[in-house]
Amino acid sequence: MLLELARSRRVLFVGGKGGVGKTTVAAATALAMANEGRRVLLVSTDPAHNLGHLWGCEVGARVRRLAPNLDGLELDPEQTARAHLDEVGAALRRLMPEHLAGEVDKHMALSRDTPGMHEAALLERIAELVVGLDGGLDEGQGGHDLLVFDTAPSGHTARLMALPEMMSAWVDGMLHRQARSRHFGELLRGLGRDDSVGAQVLGKHPSGSTGEDAGDSRDDRIRGQLNRRRRRFEHLREVVGDRARTAFVIVLTAERLPVLETIELEAQLRRSKVAVGGLVVNKRSPTDAGDFLAGRARLEQAYIDELRAALPGLPLLQLPLLAGEPVGRDALEAFAAGLA
């Protein structure tokens, strides 16, 4: 079920409660697709990165080759947010007079702890990867046929999936407010009558002018940046909401809390217009390995029956409890054999 789903999609999100085996399922799926000849990028957005542990190598913020046709990348939310804010701060300092640089830095420092900042920064990076996959807009060509995202635990992921709509609305609002103003330069020049104020704030126009031409040029650049961001988020929203291109797979174990969390996550994703392509129940206890595990298997079956009743239309794949951890390429290939 899972491999067939991956074969027919270009973006696959693997999520669920922490500790259920999301990274293993995502890595094995990505490896199986790479072995079939697809060019795959496996991306971890979970702060507790485990890709390096699975592959026995360091995987970080730069794309690293893990196997033929398979690359890996770990997006650190803290590092991503820091880079994002540094970029925004640099842009603001170019717009503001030098004596306000300290205020810009103070604002940026406070923004680092703003609720949702990590998710917004991650969303920017995910949008870049998705746009690059299609080689669309003016972002440059991507080198992969399939993106497999190993996501953070459920609550974080649900917020992340809801952000494209929110961020697009925010950018639209910024553009609307910008359009209602004659231009940003005129607003800044209103702070003083001396033309030197405009020159200090706006800088020189390529032609050497500091008047309305400079303000219009600055307006054009700001409007261009906002439109570029809006197109990026609109593209991400379109891809994530397209059942033919994107699917979300929820991994869980057959226990009470993971089952309840899965039902809630599916509802949140549906509200965000993200299609859940299937469920993977991992670490199922065997029925023929003694009374203890047989009893455990019966308890798990009751939870699976509850899951099927709550989400009857979703394909459900069950994977057995393993004696050891699937670490390394050979173990992941063996694990992937059960994902068909």
C-alpha atoms as a PDB file:
ATOM      1  CA  MET A   1       0.000   0.000   0.000  1.00  0.00           C
ATOM      2  CA  LEU A   2       2.638   2.546   1.049  1.00  0.00           C
ATOM      3  CA  LEU A   3       5.043   1.930  -1.825  1.00  0.00           C
ATOM      4  CA  GLU A   4       2.215   2.123  -4.357  1.00  0.00           C
ATOM      5  CA  LEU A   5       1.157   5.419  -2.800  1.00  0.00           C
ATOM      6  CA  ALA A   6       4.707   6.756  -3.061  1.00  0.00           C
ATOM      7  CA  ARG A   7       5.008   5.661  -6.691  1.00  0.00           C
ATOM      8  CA  SER A   8       2.040   7.794  -7.683  1.00  0.00           C
ATOM      9  CA  ARG A   9       2.988  10.961  -5.768  1.00  0.00           C
ATOM     10  CA  ARG A  10       5.666  13.630  -5.895  1.00  0.00           C
ATOM     11  CA  VAL A  11       5.415  14.727  -2.243  1.00  0.00           C
ATOM     12  CA  LEU A  12       4.888  12.358   0.677  1.00  0.00           C
ATOM     13  CA  PHE A  13       4.551  13.489   4.291  1.00  0.00           C
ATOM     14  CA  VAL A  14       5.048  10.882   7.028  1.00  0.00           C
ATOM     15  CA  GLY A  15       3.745  11.964  10.436  1.00  0.00           C
ATOM     16  CA  GLY A  16       2.228  10.793  13.686  1.00  0.00           C
ATOM     17  CA  LYS A  17       2.869  10.630  17.409  1.00  0.00           C
ATOM     18  CA  GLY A  18       6.458  10.660  18.625  1.00  0.00           C
ATOM     19  CA  GLY A  19       8.218   7.327  19.028  1.00  0.00           C
ATOM     20  CA  VAL A  20       6.060   5.267  16.658  1.00  0.00           C
ATOM     21  CA  GLY A  21       8.672   4.789  13.933  1.00  0.00           C
ATOM     22  CA  LYS A  22       7.963   7.658  11.515  1.00  0.00           C
ATOM     23  CA  THR A  23      11.621   8.094  10.578  1.00  0.00           C
ATOM     24  CA  THR A  24      12.089   4.390   9.850  1.00  0.00           C
ATOM     25  CA  VAL A  25       8.972   4.256   7.675  1.00  0.00           C
ATOM     26  CA  ALA A  26       9.936   7.448   5.825  1.00  0.00           C
ATOM     27  CA  ALA A  27      13.540   6.319   5.278  1.00  0.00           C
ATOM     28  CA  ALA A  28      12.568   2.829   4.090  1.00  0.00           C
ATOM     29  CA  THR A  29       9.977   4.264   1.690  1.00  0.00           C
ATOM     30  CA  ALA A  30      12.471   6.768   0.285  1.00  0.00           C
ATOM     31  CA  LEU A  31      15.111   4.059  -0.159  1.00  0.00           C
ATOM     32  CA  ALA A  32      12.665   1.729  -1.916  1.00  0.00           C
ATOM     33  CA  MET A  33      11.710   4.476  -4.369  1.00  0.00           C
ATOM     34  CA  ALA A  34      15.383   5.311  -4.972  1.00  0.00           C
ATOM     35  CA  ASN A  35      16.087   1.641  -5.692  1.00  0.00           C
ATOM     36  CA  GLU A  36      13.347   1.785  -8.325  1.00  0.00           C
ATOM     37  CA  GLY A  37      15.181   4.609 -10.068  1.00  0.00           C
ATOM     38  CA  ARG A  38      13.444   7.705  -8.745  1.00  0.00           C
ATOM     39  CA  ARG A  39      15.557  10.620  -7.527  1.00  0.00           C
ATOM     40  CA  VAL A  40      14.464  11.093  -3.929  1.00  0.00           C
ATOM     41  CA  LEU A  41      15.119  13.736  -1.281  1.00  0.00           C
ATOM     42  CA  LEU A  42      14.404  12.567   2.276  1.00  0.00           C
ATOM     43  CA  VAL A  43      13.799  15.587   4.526  1.00  0.00           C
ATOM     44  CA  SER A  44      13.491  15.567   8.318  1.00  0.00           C
ATOM     45  CA  THR A  45      11.621  18.469   9.937  1.00  0.00           C
ATOM     46  CA  ASP A  46      11.680  16.852  13.399  1.00  0.00           C
ATOM     47  CA  PRO A  47      13.945  18.664  15.907  1.00  0.00           C
ATOM     48  CA  ALA A  48      14.893  15.215  17.282  1.00  0.00           C
ATOM     49  CA  HIS A  49      16.604  14.174  14.054  1.00  0.00           C
ATOM     50  CA  ASN A  50      17.150  10.440  13.625  1.00  0.00           C
ATOM     51  CA  LEU A  51      18.204  10.188   9.985  1.00  0.00           C
ATOM     52  CA  GLY A  52      21.872  10.162  10.941  1.00  0.00           C
ATOM     53  CA  HIS A  53      21.264   7.365  13.443  1.00  0.00           C
ATOM     54  CA  LEU A  54      19.518   5.238  10.847  1.00  0.00           C
ATOM     55  CA  TRP A  55      22.173   5.728   8.191  1.00  0.00           C
ATOM     56  CA  GLY A  56      25.205   5.743  10.469  1.00  0.00           C
ATOM     57  CA  CYS A  57      26.415   9.123   9.236  1.00  0.00           C
ATOM     58  CA  GLU A  58      25.966  12.802   9.950  1.00  0.00           C
ATOM     59  CA  VAL A  59      23.037  14.374   8.122  1.00  0.00           C
ATOM     60  CA  GLY A  60      22.611  18.106   8.526  1.00  0.00           C
ATOM     61  CA  ALA A  61      21.333  21.254   6.874  1.00  0.00           C
ATOM     62  CA  ARG A  62      23.178  20.528   3.621  1.00  0.00           C
ATOM     63  CA  VAL A  63      21.940  17.871   1.205  1.00  0.00           C
ATOM     64  CA  ARG A  64      23.927  14.650   1.676  1.00  0.00           C
ATOM     65  CA  ARG A  65      23.970  11.537  -0.507  1.00  0.00           C
ATOM     66  CA  LEU A  66      22.708   8.528   1.475  1.00  0.00           C
ATOM     67  CA  ALA A  67      22.435   5.953  -1.326  1.00  0.00           C
ATOM     68  CA  PRO A  68      22.266   5.956  -5.135  1.00  0.00           C
ATOM     69  CA  ASN A  69      19.374   8.259  -6.147  1.00  0.00           C
ATOM     70  CA  LEU A  70      18.718   9.147  -2.485  1.00  0.00           C
ATOM     71  CA  ASP A  71      19.726  12.352  -0.703  1.00  0.00           C
ATOM     72  CA  GLY A  72      19.050  13.359   2.889  1.00  0.00           C
ATOM     73  CA  LEU A  73      18.492  16.710   4.577  1.00  0.00           C
ATOM     74  CA  GLU A  74      17.694  17.724   8.157  1.00  0.00           C
ATOM     75  CA  LEU A  75      15.883  21.025   8.717  1.00  0.00           C
ATOM     76  CA  ASP A  76      16.651  22.274  12.205  1.00  0.00           C
ATOM     77  CA  PRO A  77      13.743  24.557  13.265  1.00  0.00           C
ATOM     78  CA  GLU A  78      16.007  26.709  15.453  1.00  0.00           C
ATOM     79  CA  GLN A  79      18.667  27.103  12.775  1.00  0.00           C
ATOM     80  CA  THR A  80      16.070  27.666  10.055  1.00  0.00           C
ATOM     81  CA  ALA A  81      14.309  30.355  12.113  1.00  0.00           C
ATOM     82  CA  ARG A  82      17.636  32.044  12.878  1.00  0.00           C
ATOM     83  CA  ALA A  83      18.624  32.177   9.205  1.00  0.00           C
ATOM     84  CA  HIS A  84      15.148  33.415   8.274  1.00  0.00           C
ATOM     85  CA  LEU A  85      15.244  36.234  10.835  1.00  0.00           C
ATOM     86  CA  ASP A  86      18.781  37.198   9.869  1.00  0.00           C
ATOM     87  CA  GLU A  87      17.594  37.608   6.277  1.00  0.00           C
ATOM     88  CA  VAL A  88      14.560  39.668   7.336  1.00  0.00           C
ATOM     89  CA  GLY A  89      16.694  41.798   9.665  1.00  0.00           C
ATOM     90  CA  ALA A  90      19.182  42.556   6.900  1.00  0.00           C
ATOM     91  CA  ALA A  91      16.353  43.652   4.602  1.00  0.00           C
ATOM     92  CA  LEU A  92      14.888  45.908   7.304  1.00  0.00           C
ATOM     93  CA  ARG A  93      18.245  47.528   8.009  1.00  0.00           C
ATOM     94  CA  ARG A  94      18.528  48.430   4.340  1.00  0.00           C
ATOM     95  CA  LEU A  95      15.165  50.224   4.578  1.00  0.00           C
ATOM     96  CA  MET A  96      15.680  52.052   7.874  1.00  0.00           C
ATOM     97  CA  PRO A  97      18.074  54.887   8.776  1.00  0.00           C
ATOM     98  CA  GLU A  98      21.332  53.834  10.412  1.00  0.00           C
ATOM     99  CA  HIS A  99      20.433  55.260  13.820  1.00  0.00           C
ATOM    100  CA  LEU A 100      17.454  52.829  13.991  1.00  0.00           C
ATOM    101  CA  ALA A 101      19.572  49.716  13.360  1.00  0.00           C
ATOM    102  CA  GLY A 102      19.554  48.964  17.083  1.00  0.00           C
ATOM    103  CA  GLU A 103      15.743  49.007  17.135  1.00  0.00           C
ATOM    104  CA  VAL A 104      15.659  46.617  14.195  1.00  0.00           C
ATOM    105  CA  ASP A 105      18.014  44.241  16.023  1.00  0.00           C
ATOM    106  CA  LYS A 106      15.887  44.462  19.166  1.00  0.00           C
ATOM    107  CA  HIS A 107      12.742  43.675  17.187  1.00  0.00           C
ATOM    108  CA  MET A 108      14.419  40.699  15.523  1.00  0.00           C
ATOM    109  CA  ALA A 109      15.640  39.376  18.890  1.00  0.00           C
ATOM    110  CA  LEU A 110      12.104  39.519  20.292  1.00  0.00           C
ATOM    111  CA  SER A 111      10.736  37.845  17.158  1.00  0.00           C
ATOM    112  CA  ARG A 112      12.906  34.766  17.736  1.00  0.00           C
ATOM    113  CA  ASP A 113      10.611  33.727  20.597  1.00  0.00           C
ATOM    114  CA  THR A 114       7.347  34.637  18.876  1.00  0.00           C
ATOM    115  CA  PRO A 115       4.857  31.709  18.891  1.00  0.00           C
ATOM    116  CA  GLY A 116       4.800  30.042  15.496  1.00  0.00           C
ATOM    117  CA  MET A 117       8.125  31.511  14.339  1.00  0.00           C
ATOM    118  CA  HIS A 118       9.804  28.097  13.992  1.00  0.00           C
ATOM    119  CA  GLU A 119       6.854  26.715  12.045  1.00  0.00           C
ATOM    120  CA  ALA A 120       6.772  29.766   9.746  1.00  0.00           C
ATOM    121  CA  ALA A 121      10.510  29.507   9.046  1.00  0.00           C
ATOM    122  CA  LEU A 122      10.205  25.766   8.358  1.00  0.00           C
ATOM    123  CA  LEU A 123       7.292  26.436   6.044  1.00  0.00           C
ATOM    124  CA  GLU A 124       9.439  28.857   4.044  1.00  0.00           C
ATOM    125  CA  ARG A 125      12.104  26.169   3.622  1.00  0.00           C
ATOM    126  CA  ILE A 126       9.561  23.475   2.727  1.00  0.00           C
ATOM    127  CA  ALA A 127       8.032  25.836   0.167  1.00  0.00           C
ATOM    128  CA  GLU A 128      11.464  26.361  -1.402  1.00  0.00           C
ATOM    129  CA  LEU A 129      11.986  22.605  -1.674  1.00  0.00           C
ATOM    130  CA  VAL A 130       8.546  21.993  -3.183  1.00  0.00           C
ATOM    131  CA  VAL A 131       8.954  24.822  -5.685  1.00  0.00           C
ATOM    132  CA  GLY A 132      12.398  23.481  -6.574  1.00  0.00           C
ATOM    133  CA  LEU A 133      10.905  20.030  -7.109  1.00  0.00           C
ATOM    134  CA  ASP A 134       8.731  21.385  -9.899  1.00  0.00           C
ATOM    135  CA  GLY A 135      11.400  23.779 -11.130  1.00  0.00           C
ATOM    136  CA  GLY A 136       8.549  26.260 -11.128  1.00  0.00           C
ATOM    137  CA  LEU A 137       8.343  30.002 -10.731  1.00  0.00           C
ATOM    138  CA  ASP A 138      11.789  31.548 -10.778  1.00  0.00           C
ATOM    139  CA  GLU A 139      13.309  29.546  -7.935  1.00  0.00           C
ATOM    140  CA  GLY A 140      15.602  27.323 -10.010  1.00  0.00           C
ATOM    141  CA  GLN A 141      15.486  23.696 -11.005  1.00  0.00           C
ATOM    142  CA  GLY A 142      15.161  20.888  -8.515  1.00  0.00           C
ATOM    143  CA  GLY A 143      17.087  17.664  -8.927  1.00  0.00           C
ATOM    144  CA  HIS A 144      14.564  15.226  -7.446  1.00  0.00           C
ATOM    145  CA  ASP A 145      11.428  13.414  -8.531  1.00  0.00           C
ATOM    146  CA  LEU A 146      10.056  12.743  -5.047  1.00  0.00           C
ATOM    147  CA  LEU A 147      10.180  14.536  -1.695  1.00  0.00           C
ATOM    148  CA  VAL A 148       9.620  12.423   1.430  1.00  0.00           C
ATOM    149  CA  PHE A 149       9.151  14.477   4.600  1.00  0.00           C
ATOM    150  CA  ASP A 150       9.773  12.880   7.996  1.00  0.00           C
ATOM    151  CA  THR A 151       7.761  15.303  10.117  1.00  0.00           C
ATOM    152  CA  ALA A 152       7.727  16.298  13.762  1.00  0.00           C
ATOM    153  CA  PRO A 153       5.122  14.884  16.205  1.00  0.00           C
ATOM    154  CA  SER A 154       1.453  15.383  15.418  1.00  0.00           C
ATOM    155  CA  GLY A 155       0.643  18.743  17.030  1.00  0.00           C
ATOM    156  CA  HIS A 156       3.588  20.497  15.403  1.00  0.00           C
ATOM    157  CA  THR A 157       2.807  18.972  12.015  1.00  0.00           C
ATOM    158  CA  ALA A 158      -0.882  19.899  12.137  1.00  0.00           C
ATOM    159  CA  ARG A 159       0.052  23.549  12.739  1.00  0.00           C
ATOM    160  CA  LEU A 160       2.611  23.401   9.944  1.00  0.00           C
ATOM    161  CA  MET A 161       0.083  22.050   7.446  1.00  0.00           C
ATOM    162  CA  ALA A 162      -2.372  24.853   8.297  1.00  0.00           C
ATOM    163  CA  LEU A 163       0.208  27.598   7.708  1.00  0.00           C
ATOM    164  CA  PRO A 164       0.194  27.886   3.872  1.00  0.00           C
ATOM    165  CA  GLU A 165      -3.331  29.326   3.944  1.00  0.00           C
ATOM    166  CA  MET A 166      -2.502  31.668   6.822  1.00  0.00           C
ATOM    167  CA  MET A 167       0.783  32.886   5.339  1.00  0.00           C
ATOM    168  CA  SER A 168      -0.801  33.531   1.932  1.00  0.00           C
ATOM    169  CA  ALA A 169      -3.500  35.610   3.620  1.00  0.00           C
ATOM    170  CA  TRP A 170      -0.854  37.549   5.560  1.00  0.00           C
ATOM    171  CA  VAL A 171       1.117  38.408   2.420  1.00  0.00           C
ATOM    172  CA  ASP A 172      -2.084  39.394   0.614  1.00  0.00           C
ATOM    173  CA  GLY A 173      -2.853  41.740   3.495  1.00  0.00           C
ATOM    174  CA  MET A 174       0.605  43.279   3.289  1.00  0.00           C
ATOM    175  CA  LEU A 175       0.205  43.854  -0.448  1.00  0.00           C
ATOM    176  CA  HIS A 176      -3.232  45.372   0.073  1.00  0.00           C
ATOM    177  CA  ARG A 177      -1.924  47.815   2.667  1.00  0.00           C
ATOM    178  CA  GLN A 178       1.040  48.624   0.442  1.00  0.00           C
ATOM    179  CA  ALA A 179      -1.272  49.346  -2.478  1.00  0.00           C
ATOM    180  CA  ARG A 180      -3.359  51.754  -0.399  1.00  0.00           C
ATOM    181  CA  SER A 181      -0.284  53.818   0.387  1.00  0.00           C
ATOM    182  CA  ARG A 182       1.098  56.031  -2.369  1.00  0.00           C
ATOM    183  CA  HIS A 183       4.456  54.426  -1.747  1.00  0.00           C
ATOM    184  CA  PHE A 184       6.694  53.529   1.195  1.00  0.00           C
ATOM    185  CA  GLY A 185       9.247  56.181   0.335  1.00  0.00           C
ATOM    186  CA  GLU A 186       6.698  59.000   0.607  1.00  0.00           C
ATOM    187  CA  LEU A 187       5.676  57.740   4.019  1.00  0.00           C
ATOM    188  CA  LEU A 188       9.272  57.785   5.226  1.00  0.00           C
ATOM    189  CA  ARG A 189       9.964  61.183   3.686  1.00  0.00           C
ATOM    190  CA  GLY A 190       7.027  62.545   5.674  1.00  0.00           C
ATOM    191  CA  LEU A 191       9.211  62.229   8.762  1.00  0.00           C
ATOM    192  CA  GLY A 192      11.129  65.320   7.659  1.00  0.00           C
ATOM    193  CA  ARG A 193      10.981  68.097   5.097  1.00  0.00           C
ATOM    194  CA  ASP A 194      14.680  68.034   4.279  1.00  0.00           C
ATOM    195  CA  ASP A 195      15.491  65.951   1.214  1.00  0.00           C
ATOM    196  CA  SER A 196      18.520  64.629   3.103  1.00  0.00           C
ATOM    197  CA  VAL A 197      16.140  62.620   5.304  1.00  0.00           C
ATOM    198  CA  GLY A 198      14.848  60.772   2.256  1.00  0.00           C
ATOM    199  CA  ALA A 199      18.385  60.217   1.026  1.00  0.00           C
ATOM    200  CA  GLN A 200      19.480  58.851   4.395  1.00  0.00           C
ATOM    201  CA  VAL A 201      16.548  56.470   4.729  1.00  0.00           C
ATOM    202  CA  LEU A 202      16.076  55.380   1.135  1.00  0.00           C
ATOM    203  CA  GLY A 203      19.593  55.567  -0.173  1.00  0.00           C
ATOM    204  CA  LYS A 204      20.590  56.637  -3.653  1.00  0.00           C
ATOM    205  CA  HIS A 205      18.686  55.519  -6.708  1.00  0.00           C
ATOM    206  CA  PRO A 206      20.934  53.918  -9.348  1.00  0.00           C
ATOM    207  CA  SER A 207      20.559  57.148 -11.334  1.00  0.00           C
ATOM    208  CA  GLY A 208      21.709  59.152  -8.310  1.00  0.00           C
ATOM    209  CA  SER A 209      18.261  60.587  -7.490  1.00  0.00           C
ATOM    210  CA  THR A 210      16.711  60.465  -4.033  1.00  0.00           C
ATOM    211  CA  GLY A 211      13.257  61.792  -4.890  1.00  0.00           C
ATOM    212  CA  GLU A 212      10.105  60.034  -5.983  1.00  0.00           C
ATOM    213  CA  ASP A 213      12.003  57.877  -8.472  1.00  0.00           C
ATOM    214  CA  ALA A 214      13.991  56.375  -5.593  1.00  0.00           C
ATOM    215  CA  GLY A 215      10.806  55.806  -3.595  1.00  0.00           C
ATOM    216  CA  ASP A 216       9.097  54.193  -6.537  1.00  0.00           C
ATOM    217  CA  SER A 217      12.099  51.937  -7.092  1.00  0.00           C
ATOM    218  CA  ARG A 218      12.074  50.922  -3.430  1.00  0.00           C
ATOM    219  CA  ASP A 219       8.327  50.287  -3.637  1.00  0.00           C
ATOM    220  CA  ASP A 220       8.840  48.101  -6.684  1.00  0.00           C
ATOM    221  CA  ARG A 221      11.474  46.014  -4.904  1.00  0.00           C
ATOM    222  CA  ILE A 222       9.316  45.547  -1.801  1.00  0.00           C
ATOM    223  CA  ARG A 223       6.271  44.715  -3.886  1.00  0.00           C
ATOM    224  CA  GLY A 224       8.360  42.264  -5.893  1.00  0.00           C
ATOM    225  CA  GLN A 225       9.549  40.502  -2.730  1.00  0.00           C
ATOM    226  CA  LEU A 226       6.017  40.220  -1.367  1.00  0.00           C
ATOM    227  CA  ASN A 227       4.657  38.931  -4.660  1.00  0.00           C
ATOM    228  CA  ARG A 228       7.471  36.397  -4.844  1.00  0.00           C
ATOM    229  CA  ARG A 229       6.615  35.143  -1.366  1.00  0.00           C
ATOM    230  CA  ARG A 230       2.911  35.023  -2.174  1.00  0.00           C
ATOM    231  CA  ARG A 231       3.553  32.952  -5.308  1.00  0.00           C
ATOM    232  CA  ARG A 232       5.724  30.581  -3.293  1.00  0.00           C
ATOM    233  CA  PHE A 233       3.026  30.011  -0.668  1.00  0.00           C
ATOM    234  CA  GLU A 234       0.276  29.736  -3.266  1.00  0.00           C
ATOM    235  CA  HIS A 235       2.315  27.093  -5.074  1.00  0.00           C
ATOM    236  CA  LEU A 236       2.892  25.178  -1.830  1.00  0.00           C
ATOM    237  CA  ARG A 237      -0.788  25.371  -0.954  1.00  0.00           C
ATOM    238  CA  GLU A 238      -1.706  24.108  -4.419  1.00  0.00           C
ATOM    239  CA  VAL A 239       0.728  21.173  -4.275  1.00  0.00           C
ATOM    240  CA  VAL A 240      -0.122  20.139  -0.705  1.00  0.00           C
ATOM    241  CA  GLY A 241      -3.849  20.246  -1.476  1.00  0.00           C
ATOM    242  CA  ASP A 242      -3.520  18.224  -4.703  1.00  0.00           C
ATOM    243  CA  ARG A 243      -4.356  14.556  -4.023  1.00  0.00           C
ATOM    244  CA  ALA A 244      -2.692  13.535  -7.266  1.00  0.00           C
ATOM    245  CA  ARG A 245       0.671  14.983  -6.216  1.00  0.00           C
ATOM    246  CA  THR A 246       0.725  14.892  -2.406  1.00  0.00           C
ATOM    247  CA  ALA A 247      -0.269  12.420   0.284  1.00  0.00           C
ATOM    248  CA  PHE A 248       0.092  12.325   4.046  1.00  0.00           C
ATOM    249  CA  VAL A 249       0.715   9.008   5.785  1.00  0.00           C
ATOM    250  CA  ILE A 250       0.071   8.670   9.510  1.00  0.00           C
ATOM    251  CA  VAL A 251       2.247   6.182  11.405  1.00  0.00           C
ATOM    252  CA  LEU A 252       1.074   4.884  14.780  1.00  0.00           C
ATOM    253  CA  THR A 253       1.208   1.971  17.172  1.00  0.00           C
ATOM    254  CA  ALA A 254      -1.893   0.029  18.214  1.00  0.00           C
ATOM    255  CA  GLU A 255      -2.297   1.736  21.580  1.00  0.00           C
ATOM    256  CA  ARG A 256      -4.955   4.009  23.019  1.00  0.00           C
ATOM    257  CA  LEU A 257      -3.188   7.379  22.867  1.00  0.00           C
ATOM    258  CA  PRO A 258      -1.641   6.962  19.385  1.00  0.00           C
ATOM    259  CA  VAL A 259      -5.022   5.844  18.002  1.00  0.00           C
ATOM    260  CA  LEU A 260      -6.848   8.837  19.524  1.00  0.00           C
ATOM    261  CA  GLU A 261      -4.114  11.197  18.338  1.00  0.00           C
ATOM    262  CA  THR A 262      -4.304   9.729  14.832  1.00  0.00           C
ATOM    263  CA  ILE A 263      -8.057  10.295  14.632  1.00  0.00           C
ATOM    264  CA  GLU A 264      -7.591  13.921  15.717  1.00  0.00           C
ATOM    265  CA  LEU A 265      -4.652  14.485  13.358  1.00  0.00           C
ATOM    266  CA  GLU A 266      -6.651  13.170  10.391  1.00  0.00           C
ATOM    267  CA  ALA A 267      -9.458  15.615  11.228  1.00  0.00           C
ATOM    268  CA  GLN A 268      -7.013  18.540  11.492  1.00  0.00           C
ATOM    269  CA  LEU A 269      -5.385  17.653   8.196  1.00  0.00           C
ATOM    270  CA  ARG A 270      -8.748  17.331   6.494  1.00  0.00           C
ATOM    271  CA  ARG A 271      -9.670  20.820   7.728  1.00  0.00           C
ATOM    272  CA  SER A 272      -6.391  22.059   6.204  1.00  0.00           C
ATOM    273  CA  LYS A 273      -7.310  20.348   2.902  1.00  0.00           C
ATOM    274  CA  VAL A 274      -4.441  17.857   3.178  1.00  0.00           C
ATOM    275  CA  ALA A 275      -5.360  14.363   1.979  1.00  0.00           C
ATOM    276  CA  VAL A 276      -4.381  11.433   4.214  1.00  0.00           C
ATOM    277  CA  GLY A 277      -3.386   8.620   1.889  1.00  0.00           C
ATOM    278  CA  GLY A 278      -3.157   5.825   4.445  1.00  0.00           C
ATOM    279  CA  LEU A 279      -2.333   4.588   7.932  1.00  0.00           C
ATOM    280  CA  VAL A 280       0.662   2.500   8.965  1.00  0.00           C
ATOM    281  CA  VAL A 281       0.294   0.579  12.211  1.00  0.00           C
ATOM    282  CA  ASN A 282       3.842  -0.217  13.278  1.00  0.00           C
ATOM    283  CA  LYS A 283       5.277  -2.691  15.830  1.00  0.00           C
ATOM    284  CA  ARG A 284       2.354  -5.121  15.880  1.00  0.00           C
ATOM    285  CA  SER A 285       2.854  -7.879  18.447  1.00  0.00           C
ATOM    286  CA  PRO A 286       2.982 -11.483  17.142  1.00  0.00           C
ATOM    287  CA  THR A 287       0.211 -13.919  18.047  1.00  0.00           C
ATOM    288  CA  ASP A 288       2.420 -17.025  18.054  1.00  0.00           C
ATOM    289  CA  ALA A 289       5.182 -16.066  20.496  1.00  0.00           C
ATOM    290  CA  GLY A 290       3.746 -16.987  23.876  1.00  0.00           C
ATOM    291  CA  ASP A 291       0.750 -16.005  25.956  1.00  0.00           C
ATOM    292  CA  PHE A 292       2.086 -12.579  26.923  1.00  0.00           C
ATOM    293  CA  LEU A 293       2.550 -11.304  23.376  1.00  0.00           C
ATOM    294  CA  ALA A 294      -0.620 -13.065  22.203  1.00  0.00           C
ATOM    295  CA  GLY A 295      -2.562 -11.159  24.856  1.00  0.00           C
ATOM    296  CA  ARG A 296      -0.877  -7.981  23.788  1.00  0.00           C
ATOM    297  CA  ALA A 297      -1.832  -8.687  20.161  1.00  0.00           C
ATOM    298  CA  ARG A 298      -5.501  -9.116  21.129  1.00  0.00           C
ATOM    299  CA  LEU A 299      -5.450  -5.766  22.962  1.00  0.00           C
ATOM    300  CA  GLU A 300      -3.875  -4.121  19.921  1.00  0.00           C
ATOM    301  CA  GLN A 301      -6.534  -5.606  17.646  1.00  0.00           C
ATOM    302  CA  ALA A 302      -9.240  -3.911  19.688  1.00  0.00           C
ATOM    303  CA  TYR A 303      -7.574  -0.557  19.130  1.00  0.00           C
ATOM    304  CA  ILE A 304      -7.180  -1.263  15.418  1.00  0.00           C
ATOM    305  CA  ASP A 305     -10.889  -2.088  15.226  1.00  0.00           C
ATOM    306  CA  GLU A 306     -11.586   1.290  16.871  1.00  0.00           C
ATOM    307  CA  LEU A 307      -9.333   2.999  14.339  1.00  0.00           C
ATOM    308  CA  ARG A 308     -11.034   1.303  11.391  1.00  0.00           C
ATOM    309  CA  ALA A 309     -14.445   2.318  12.706  1.00  0.00           C
ATOM    310  CA  ALA A 310     -13.368   5.973  13.078  1.00  0.00           C
ATOM    311  CA  LEU A 311     -11.539   6.182   9.726  1.00  0.00           C
ATOM    312  CA  PRO A 312     -13.189   3.539   7.538  1.00  0.00           C
ATOM    313  CA  GLY A 313     -12.147   4.939   4.183  1.00  0.00           C
ATOM    314  CA  LEU A 314      -8.381   4.941   4.689  1.00  0.00           C
ATOM    315  CA  PRO A 315      -6.070   2.087   3.627  1.00  0.00           C
ATOM    316  CA  LEU A 316      -4.350   0.545   6.642  1.00  0.00           C
ATOM    317  CA  LEU A 317      -1.006  -1.252   6.608  1.00  0.00           C
ATOM    318  CA  GLN A 318       0.231  -3.294   9.595  1.00  0.00           C
ATOM    319  CA  LEU A 319       3.918  -3.904  10.258  1.00  0.00           C
ATOM    320  CA  PRO A 320       5.271  -6.476  12.739  1.00  0.00           C
ATOM    321  CA  LEU A 321       7.270  -5.822  15.886  1.00  0.00           C
ATOM    322  CA  LEU A 322      10.927  -6.496  15.092  1.00  0.00           C
ATOM    323  CA  ALA A 323      13.533  -8.124  17.287  1.00  0.00           C
ATOM    324  CA  GLY A 324      16.011  -5.341  16.547  1.00  0.00           C
ATOM    325  CA  GLU A 325      16.160  -1.832  15.156  1.00  0.00           C
ATOM    326  CA  PRO A 326      16.389  -1.426  11.354  1.00  0.00           C
ATOM    327  CA  VAL A 327      19.635   0.546  11.191  1.00  0.00           C
ATOM    328  CA  GLY A 328      21.650   0.834   7.990  1.00  0.00           C
ATOM    329  CA  ARG A 329      20.844   0.441   4.330  1.00  0.00           C
ATOM    330  CA  ASP A 330      20.455  -3.368   4.311  1.00  0.00           C
ATOM    331  CA  ALA A 331      18.087  -3.325   7.309  1.00  0.00           C
ATOM    332  CA  LEU A 332      16.017  -0.508   5.781  1.00  0.00           C
ATOM    333  CA  GLU A 333      15.718  -2.396   2.484  1.00  0.00           C
ATOM    334  CA  ALA A 334      14.500  -5.457   4.382  1.00  0.00           C
ATOM    335  CA  PHE A 335      12.018  -3.265   6.280  1.00  0.00           C
ATOM    336  CA  ALA A 336      10.803  -1.714   3.022  1.00  0.00           C
ATOM    337  CA  ALA A 337       9.851  -5.166   1.717  1.00  0.00           C
ATOM    338  CA  GLY A 338       6.835  -5.043   4.077  1.00  0.00           C
ATOM    339  CA  LEU A 339       5.616  -1.675   2.829  1.00  0.00           C
ATOM    340  CA  ALA A 340       4.213  -2.854  -0.516  1.00  0.00           C
END
